C-alpha atoms as a PDB file:
ATOM      1  CA  MET A   1      34.532  84.100  56.731  1.00  0.00           C
ATOM      2  CA  ARG A   2      33.910  80.366  57.081  1.00  0.00           C
ATOM      3  CA  ARG A   3      33.230  80.704  60.778  1.00  0.00           C
ATOM      4  CA  ASP A   4      30.710  83.462  60.059  1.00  0.00           C
ATOM      5  CA  ILE A   5      28.760  81.142  57.762  1.00  0.00           C
ATOM      6  CA  TRP A   6      28.457  78.473  60.456  1.00  0.00           C
ATOM      7  CA  ILE A   7      27.371  81.009  63.072  1.00  0.00           C
ATOM      8  CA  PHE A   8      24.784  82.412  60.647  1.00  0.00           C
ATOM      9  CA  LEU A   9      23.437  78.923  59.912  1.00  0.00           C
ATOM     10  CA  PHE A  10      23.196  78.135  63.623  1.00  0.00           C
ATOM     11  CA  PHE A  11      21.099  81.233  64.273  1.00  0.00           C
ATOM     12  CA  LEU A  12      19.033  80.656  61.138  1.00  0.00           C
ATOM     13  CA  GLY A  13      18.214  77.140  62.330  1.00  0.00           C
ATOM     14  CA  SER A  14      17.360  78.438  65.786  1.00  0.00           C
ATOM     15  CA  ILE A  15      14.975  80.952  64.279  1.00  0.00           C
ATOM     16  CA  LEU A  16      13.410  78.612  61.701  1.00  0.00           C
ATOM     17  CA  PHE A  17      12.716  75.820  64.177  1.00  0.00           C
ATOM     18  CA  GLY A  18      11.928  78.015  67.166  1.00  0.00           C
ATOM     19  CA  TRP A  19       8.556  78.560  68.762  1.00  0.00           C
ATOM     20  CA  PRO A  20       7.452  81.754  66.933  1.00  0.00           C
ATOM     21  CA  PHE A  21       7.769  80.324  63.419  1.00  0.00           C
ATOM     22  CA  LEU A  22       6.299  76.985  64.411  1.00  0.00           C
ATOM     23  CA  ARG A  23       3.344  78.838  65.913  1.00  0.00           C
ATOM     24  CA  ILE A  24       2.903  80.999  62.798  1.00  0.00           C
ATOM     25  CA  PHE A  25       2.800  77.965  60.504  1.00  0.00           C
ATOM     26  CA  HIS A  26       0.797  75.662  62.792  1.00  0.00           C
ATOM     27  CA  GLN A  27      -1.932  75.163  60.162  1.00  0.00           C
ATOM     28  CA  SER A  28       0.520  73.701  57.648  1.00  0.00           C
ATOM     29  CA  LEU A  29       3.236  72.584  60.056  1.00  0.00           C
ATOM     30  CA  THR A  30       4.085  69.405  58.150  1.00  0.00           C
ATOM     31  CA  TYR A  31       4.763  71.267  54.918  1.00  0.00           C
ATOM     32  CA  TYR A  32       6.683  74.015  56.690  1.00  0.00           C
ATOM     33  CA  LEU A  33       8.934  71.544  58.518  1.00  0.00           C
ATOM     34  CA  PHE A  34       9.565  69.480  55.400  1.00  0.00           C
ATOM     35  CA  ILE A  35      10.432  72.439  53.172  1.00  0.00           C
ATOM     36  CA  SER A  36      12.472  74.322  55.751  1.00  0.00           C
ATOM     37  CA  TRP A  37      14.380  71.198  56.822  1.00  0.00           C
ATOM     38  CA  ILE A  38      15.291  70.326  53.208  1.00  0.00           C
ATOM     39  CA  ALA A  39      16.358  73.941  52.529  1.00  0.00           C
ATOM     40  CA  PHE A  40      18.404  74.021  55.743  1.00  0.00           C
ATOM     41  CA  ILE A  41      20.173  70.769  54.854  1.00  0.00           C
ATOM     42  CA  GLY A  42      20.945  72.200  51.408  1.00  0.00           C
ATOM     43  CA  LEU A  43      22.457  75.316  52.982  1.00  0.00           C
ATOM     44  CA  LEU A  44      24.552  73.180  55.317  1.00  0.00           C
ATOM     45  CA  PHE A  45      25.760  71.160  52.347  1.00  0.00           C
ATOM     46  CA  LEU A  46      26.752  74.281  50.414  1.00  0.00           C
ATOM     47  CA  ALA A  47      28.525  75.706  53.461  1.00  0.00           C
ATOM     48  CA  SER A  48      30.457  72.486  53.960  1.00  0.00           C
ATOM     49  CA  LEU A  49      31.508  72.488  50.285  1.00  0.00           C
ATOM     50  CA  SER A  50      32.808  76.037  50.494  1.00  0.00           C
ATOM     51  CA  SER A  51      34.520  75.188  53.779  1.00  0.00           C
ATOM     52  CA  ASP A  52      36.314  72.196  52.234  1.00  0.00           C
ATOM     53  CA  LYS A  53      37.540  74.238  49.277  1.00  0.00           C
ATOM     54  CA  GLY A  54      38.851  77.003  51.499  1.00  0.00           C
ATOM     55  CA  ASP A  55      41.024  74.937  53.822  1.00  0.00           C
ATOM     56  CA  GLY A  56      42.315  72.285  51.441  1.00  0.00           C
ATOM     57  CA  GLY A  57      40.002  69.551  52.728  1.00  0.00           C
ATOM     58  CA  ASN A  58      41.510  69.346  56.212  1.00  0.00           C
END
């Protein structure tokens, strides 16, 4: 399950910061990048916390 979370986050990041979404939000690109980057970092943090609990911190 932990590996699935990391693969999902990789593809989510690829989609969020890929050309189509950047083109869609080009009018408010600064806000989009700021909000999506903060949300993505939060998801990475939560995934790393659940990963640490699952394997005993190793």
